[in-house]
Amino acid sequence: MVDDAVRHPIIVDTDALIAVANTELWSRITENLQLTTTNVCYHELKRHVREMSEYAPEETRERWVHGGSKRALKPFDDGDISFTTVPCVPRPHGEDAGEKSLQTEIEQHTELYRFAIVMDKHGRRAINRVFADAEETTGKAVAPTFLLYLLLDEGKCTDGQGDCPGA
């Protein structure tokens, strides 16, 4: 559901969604975590599905991006799963539009977010500066693998079984 304006404490960018959607733990993430993204990231995922071929050769980046984008979109369109999309105003454009949209959203609603899941190290730094400059917030920008640690912390996977990363 696009633009449903429910903000969960975890916000995720496009590349991070693709990365975790391509893991074997994606179904556990969708069943156990509540995530938010921006309309910019949502539309980037849709564009990847439209422009990248599902018939690209196995193990290519194009196929990985297409498949991950397609899997990442499903929970946002499923009313039974708590994944939401919020509007970003003003809407950024260009290469890093998804990351910029997360930064804008966090600047406008800092107190609502605990974690920003961002693939790009520079994007994490920029968002961490926003969190650091805000008063009374403990938010932090982290890498996509952090979602797997949240599953481990919630007891939804175990590292002893090899189905979740260990500490």
C-alpha atoms as a PDB file:
ATOM      1  CA  MET A   1       0.000   0.000   0.000  1.00  0.00           C
ATOM      2  CA  VAL A   2       1.641   3.191  -1.129  1.00  0.00           C
ATOM      3  CA  ASP A   3       1.369   6.367   0.947  1.00  0.00           C
ATOM      4  CA  ASP A   4      -0.451   4.813   3.880  1.00  0.00           C
ATOM      5  CA  ALA A   5       1.479   7.098   6.301  1.00  0.00           C
ATOM      6  CA  VAL A   6       1.869   4.586   9.157  1.00  0.00           C
ATOM      7  CA  ARG A   7       5.413   4.960  10.374  1.00  0.00           C
ATOM      8  CA  HIS A   8       7.064   1.952  11.994  1.00  0.00           C
ATOM      9  CA  PRO A   9      10.308   2.527  13.961  1.00  0.00           C
ATOM     10  CA  ILE A  10      12.391   0.801  11.252  1.00  0.00           C
ATOM     11  CA  ILE A  11      12.727   2.544   7.884  1.00  0.00           C
ATOM     12  CA  VAL A  12      14.513   0.826   4.990  1.00  0.00           C
ATOM     13  CA  ASP A  13      15.963   2.067   1.690  1.00  0.00           C
ATOM     14  CA  THR A  14      15.718   0.439  -1.744  1.00  0.00           C
ATOM     15  CA  ASP A  15      19.075  -1.358  -1.872  1.00  0.00           C
ATOM     16  CA  ALA A  16      18.682  -2.667   1.672  1.00  0.00           C
ATOM     17  CA  LEU A  17      15.236  -4.069   0.847  1.00  0.00           C
ATOM     18  CA  ILE A  18      16.626  -5.803  -2.248  1.00  0.00           C
ATOM     19  CA  ALA A  19      19.535  -7.245  -0.265  1.00  0.00           C
ATOM     20  CA  VAL A  20      17.413  -8.747   2.514  1.00  0.00           C
ATOM     21  CA  ALA A  21      14.662  -9.854   0.121  1.00  0.00           C
ATOM     22  CA  ASN A  22      17.290 -11.982  -1.602  1.00  0.00           C
ATOM     23  CA  THR A  23      18.058 -13.904   1.604  1.00  0.00           C
ATOM     24  CA  GLU A  24      16.495 -17.139   2.814  1.00  0.00           C
ATOM     25  CA  LEU A  25      15.280 -15.244   5.893  1.00  0.00           C
ATOM     26  CA  TRP A  26      13.065 -12.808   3.967  1.00  0.00           C
ATOM     27  CA  SER A  27       9.863 -14.663   4.893  1.00  0.00           C
ATOM     28  CA  ARG A  28      10.820 -14.475   8.583  1.00  0.00           C
ATOM     29  CA  ILE A  29      11.456 -10.753   8.232  1.00  0.00           C
ATOM     30  CA  THR A  30       8.051 -10.225   6.620  1.00  0.00           C
ATOM     31  CA  GLU A  31       6.324 -12.325   9.279  1.00  0.00           C
ATOM     32  CA  ASN A  32       8.038 -10.800  12.318  1.00  0.00           C
ATOM     33  CA  LEU A  33       9.172  -7.233  11.661  1.00  0.00           C
ATOM     34  CA  GLN A  34       7.270  -4.075  10.825  1.00  0.00           C
ATOM     35  CA  LEU A  35       9.064  -1.938   8.251  1.00  0.00           C
ATOM     36  CA  THR A  36       8.484   1.397   6.576  1.00  0.00           C
ATOM     37  CA  THR A  37       9.946   2.814   3.378  1.00  0.00           C
ATOM     38  CA  THR A  38       9.322   5.944   1.348  1.00  0.00           C
ATOM     39  CA  ASN A  39       7.301   6.323  -1.818  1.00  0.00           C
ATOM     40  CA  VAL A  40      10.584   7.058  -3.601  1.00  0.00           C
ATOM     41  CA  CYS A  41      12.072   3.676  -2.596  1.00  0.00           C
ATOM     42  CA  TYR A  42       8.794   1.922  -3.435  1.00  0.00           C
ATOM     43  CA  HIS A  43       8.818   3.428  -6.939  1.00  0.00           C
ATOM     44  CA  GLU A  44      12.493   2.534  -7.387  1.00  0.00           C
ATOM     45  CA  LEU A  45      11.614  -1.096  -6.634  1.00  0.00           C
ATOM     46  CA  LYS A  46       8.766  -0.972  -9.170  1.00  0.00           C
ATOM     47  CA  ARG A  47      11.092   0.541 -11.767  1.00  0.00           C
ATOM     48  CA  HIS A  48      13.644  -2.238 -11.184  1.00  0.00           C
ATOM     49  CA  VAL A  49      10.958  -4.881 -11.744  1.00  0.00           C
ATOM     50  CA  ARG A  50       9.820  -3.134 -14.904  1.00  0.00           C
ATOM     51  CA  GLU A  51      13.258  -2.385 -16.377  1.00  0.00           C
ATOM     52  CA  MET A  52      15.369  -5.352 -15.270  1.00  0.00           C
ATOM     53  CA  SER A  53      14.764  -8.689 -16.941  1.00  0.00           C
ATOM     54  CA  GLU A  54      13.586 -11.656 -14.933  1.00  0.00           C
ATOM     55  CA  TYR A  55      15.120 -13.703 -17.750  1.00  0.00           C
ATOM     56  CA  ALA A  56      18.625 -12.317 -17.297  1.00  0.00           C
ATOM     57  CA  PRO A  57      21.254 -15.024 -16.842  1.00  0.00           C
ATOM     58  CA  GLU A  58      21.418 -16.676 -13.409  1.00  0.00           C
ATOM     59  CA  GLU A  59      23.810 -15.096 -10.916  1.00  0.00           C
ATOM     60  CA  THR A  60      23.834 -11.708 -12.705  1.00  0.00           C
ATOM     61  CA  ARG A  61      23.242  -8.397 -10.962  1.00  0.00           C
ATOM     62  CA  GLU A  62      20.256  -7.687 -13.228  1.00  0.00           C
ATOM     63  CA  ARG A  63      18.501 -10.883 -12.196  1.00  0.00           C
ATOM     64  CA  TRP A  64      19.408 -10.330  -8.523  1.00  0.00           C
ATOM     65  CA  VAL A  65      17.980  -6.781  -8.569  1.00  0.00           C
ATOM     66  CA  HIS A  66      14.841  -7.834 -10.447  1.00  0.00           C
ATOM     67  CA  GLY A  67      14.102 -10.794  -8.177  1.00  0.00           C
ATOM     68  CA  GLY A  68      14.911  -8.937  -4.962  1.00  0.00           C
ATOM     69  CA  SER A  69      12.787  -5.965  -6.010  1.00  0.00           C
ATOM     70  CA  LYS A  70       9.848  -8.190  -6.882  1.00  0.00           C
ATOM     71  CA  ARG A  71      10.042 -10.023  -3.534  1.00  0.00           C
ATOM     72  CA  ALA A  72      10.535  -6.751  -1.626  1.00  0.00           C
ATOM     73  CA  LEU A  73       7.361  -5.222  -3.112  1.00  0.00           C
ATOM     74  CA  LYS A  74       4.992  -8.031  -2.102  1.00  0.00           C
ATOM     75  CA  PRO A  75       4.713  -7.209   1.626  1.00  0.00           C
ATOM     76  CA  PHE A  76       4.029  -3.532   0.895  1.00  0.00           C
ATOM     77  CA  ASP A  77       1.092  -4.527  -1.300  1.00  0.00           C
ATOM     78  CA  ASP A  78      -0.248  -7.173   1.114  1.00  0.00           C
ATOM     79  CA  GLY A  79      -2.751  -5.737   3.578  1.00  0.00           C
ATOM     80  CA  ASP A  80      -2.073  -8.564   6.038  1.00  0.00           C
ATOM     81  CA  ILE A  81       1.606  -7.651   6.503  1.00  0.00           C
ATOM     82  CA  SER A  82       2.722  -4.581   8.448  1.00  0.00           C
ATOM     83  CA  PHE A  83       4.986  -2.979   5.861  1.00  0.00           C
ATOM     84  CA  THR A  84       4.117   0.625   5.031  1.00  0.00           C
ATOM     85  CA  THR A  85       5.120   3.372   2.636  1.00  0.00           C
ATOM     86  CA  VAL A  86       5.178   7.057   3.555  1.00  0.00           C
ATOM     87  CA  PRO A  87       5.339  10.050   1.219  1.00  0.00           C
ATOM     88  CA  CYS A  88       8.548  12.052   0.928  1.00  0.00           C
ATOM     89  CA  VAL A  89       8.063  15.763   0.320  1.00  0.00           C
ATOM     90  CA  PRO A  90       9.915  17.235  -1.427  1.00  0.00           C
ATOM     91  CA  ARG A  91      10.593  14.203  -3.585  1.00  0.00           C
ATOM     92  CA  PRO A  92      14.289  13.791  -4.452  1.00  0.00           C
ATOM     93  CA  HIS A  93      15.452  12.595  -7.866  1.00  0.00           C
ATOM     94  CA  GLY A  94      18.655  11.091  -9.167  1.00  0.00           C
ATOM     95  CA  GLU A  95      21.032   8.304  -8.310  1.00  0.00           C
ATOM     96  CA  ASP A  96      20.704   8.429  -4.512  1.00  0.00           C
ATOM     97  CA  ALA A  97      17.034   9.429  -4.395  1.00  0.00           C
ATOM     98  CA  GLY A  98      16.046   6.537  -2.119  1.00  0.00           C
ATOM     99  CA  GLU A  99      18.679   7.362   0.501  1.00  0.00           C
ATOM    100  CA  LYS A 100      17.888  11.082   0.260  1.00  0.00           C
ATOM    101  CA  SER A 101      14.191  10.339   0.742  1.00  0.00           C
ATOM    102  CA  LEU A 102      14.968   8.404   3.938  1.00  0.00           C
ATOM    103  CA  GLN A 103      17.113  11.261   5.186  1.00  0.00           C
ATOM    104  CA  THR A 104      14.332  13.781   4.449  1.00  0.00           C
ATOM    105  CA  GLU A 105      11.740  11.582   6.169  1.00  0.00           C
ATOM    106  CA  ILE A 106      13.961  11.172   9.225  1.00  0.00           C
ATOM    107  CA  GLU A 107      14.672  14.920   9.363  1.00  0.00           C
ATOM    108  CA  GLN A 108      10.914  15.554   9.399  1.00  0.00           C
ATOM    109  CA  HIS A 109       9.968  12.749  11.828  1.00  0.00           C
ATOM    110  CA  THR A 110      13.167  11.960  13.746  1.00  0.00           C
ATOM    111  CA  GLU A 111      11.433  10.910  16.953  1.00  0.00           C
ATOM    112  CA  LEU A 112       9.463   8.154  15.193  1.00  0.00           C
ATOM    113  CA  TYR A 113      12.440   6.149  13.937  1.00  0.00           C
ATOM    114  CA  ARG A 114      14.730   3.855  15.895  1.00  0.00           C
ATOM    115  CA  PHE A 115      16.649   2.367  12.958  1.00  0.00           C
ATOM    116  CA  ALA A 116      17.306   3.403   9.375  1.00  0.00           C
ATOM    117  CA  ILE A 117      18.460   0.430   7.324  1.00  0.00           C
ATOM    118  CA  VAL A 118      20.698   1.735   4.539  1.00  0.00           C
ATOM    119  CA  MET A 119      23.088  -0.141   2.264  1.00  0.00           C
ATOM    120  CA  ASP A 120      25.405   2.767   1.423  1.00  0.00           C
ATOM    121  CA  LYS A 121      28.019   3.695   4.038  1.00  0.00           C
ATOM    122  CA  HIS A 122      27.897   7.398   3.111  1.00  0.00           C
ATOM    123  CA  GLY A 123      24.105   7.369   3.358  1.00  0.00           C
ATOM    124  CA  ARG A 124      24.354   5.834   6.838  1.00  0.00           C
ATOM    125  CA  ARG A 125      26.801   8.542   7.898  1.00  0.00           C
ATOM    126  CA  ALA A 126      24.495  11.322   6.661  1.00  0.00           C
ATOM    127  CA  ILE A 127      21.480   9.829   8.442  1.00  0.00           C
ATOM    128  CA  ASN A 128      23.491   9.251  11.620  1.00  0.00           C
ATOM    129  CA  ARG A 129      24.352  12.971  11.586  1.00  0.00           C
ATOM    130  CA  VAL A 130      20.622  13.738  11.465  1.00  0.00           C
ATOM    131  CA  PHE A 131      20.020  11.436  14.430  1.00  0.00           C
ATOM    132  CA  ALA A 132      23.000  12.909  16.311  1.00  0.00           C
ATOM    133  CA  ASP A 133      21.797  16.493  15.784  1.00  0.00           C
ATOM    134  CA  ALA A 134      18.292  15.704  17.014  1.00  0.00           C
ATOM    135  CA  GLU A 135      17.430  16.066  20.662  1.00  0.00           C
ATOM    136  CA  GLU A 136      16.151  13.106  22.663  1.00  0.00           C
ATOM    137  CA  THR A 137      16.504  10.400  20.038  1.00  0.00           C
ATOM    138  CA  THR A 138      18.439   7.166  20.049  1.00  0.00           C
ATOM    139  CA  GLY A 139      18.045   6.459  16.344  1.00  0.00           C
ATOM    140  CA  LYS A 140      20.820   4.908  14.334  1.00  0.00           C
ATOM    141  CA  ALA A 141      21.474   4.138  10.674  1.00  0.00           C
ATOM    142  CA  VAL A 142      22.757   0.584  10.202  1.00  0.00           C
ATOM    143  CA  ALA A 143      23.527  -1.934   7.448  1.00  0.00           C
ATOM    144  CA  PRO A 144      20.881  -4.337   6.069  1.00  0.00           C
ATOM    145  CA  THR A 145      22.310  -7.290   7.989  1.00  0.00           C
ATOM    146  CA  PHE A 146      21.011  -5.621  11.148  1.00  0.00           C
ATOM    147  CA  LEU A 147      17.517  -6.871  10.240  1.00  0.00           C
ATOM    148  CA  LEU A 148      18.842 -10.410  10.622  1.00  0.00           C
ATOM    149  CA  TYR A 149      20.167  -9.553  14.079  1.00  0.00           C
ATOM    150  CA  LEU A 150      16.745  -8.204  15.009  1.00  0.00           C
ATOM    151  CA  LEU A 151      15.304 -11.615  14.084  1.00  0.00           C
ATOM    152  CA  LEU A 152      17.917 -13.308  16.245  1.00  0.00           C
ATOM    153  CA  ASP A 153      17.170 -10.937  19.132  1.00  0.00           C
ATOM    154  CA  GLU A 154      13.436 -11.703  18.830  1.00  0.00           C
ATOM    155  CA  GLY A 155      14.143 -15.451  18.880  1.00  0.00           C
ATOM    156  CA  LYS A 156      12.829 -15.892  15.329  1.00  0.00           C
ATOM    157  CA  CYS A 157      16.002 -17.640  14.208  1.00  0.00           C
ATOM    158  CA  THR A 158      18.998 -19.215  15.897  1.00  0.00           C
ATOM    159  CA  ASP A 159      22.647 -19.023  15.003  1.00  0.00           C
ATOM    160  CA  GLY A 160      23.168 -22.545  16.400  1.00  0.00           C
ATOM    161  CA  GLN A 161      21.045 -23.950  13.600  1.00  0.00           C
ATOM    162  CA  GLY A 162      22.949 -21.918  11.033  1.00  0.00           C
ATOM    163  CA  ASP A 163      19.810 -20.079   9.984  1.00  0.00           C
ATOM    164  CA  CYS A 164      20.787 -16.671  11.341  1.00  0.00           C
ATOM    165  CA  PRO A 165      24.096 -14.856  11.830  1.00  0.00           C
ATOM    166  CA  GLY A 166      25.722 -15.286  15.213  1.00  0.00           C
ATOM    167  CA  ALA A 167      27.277 -12.698  17.468  1.00  0.00           C
END
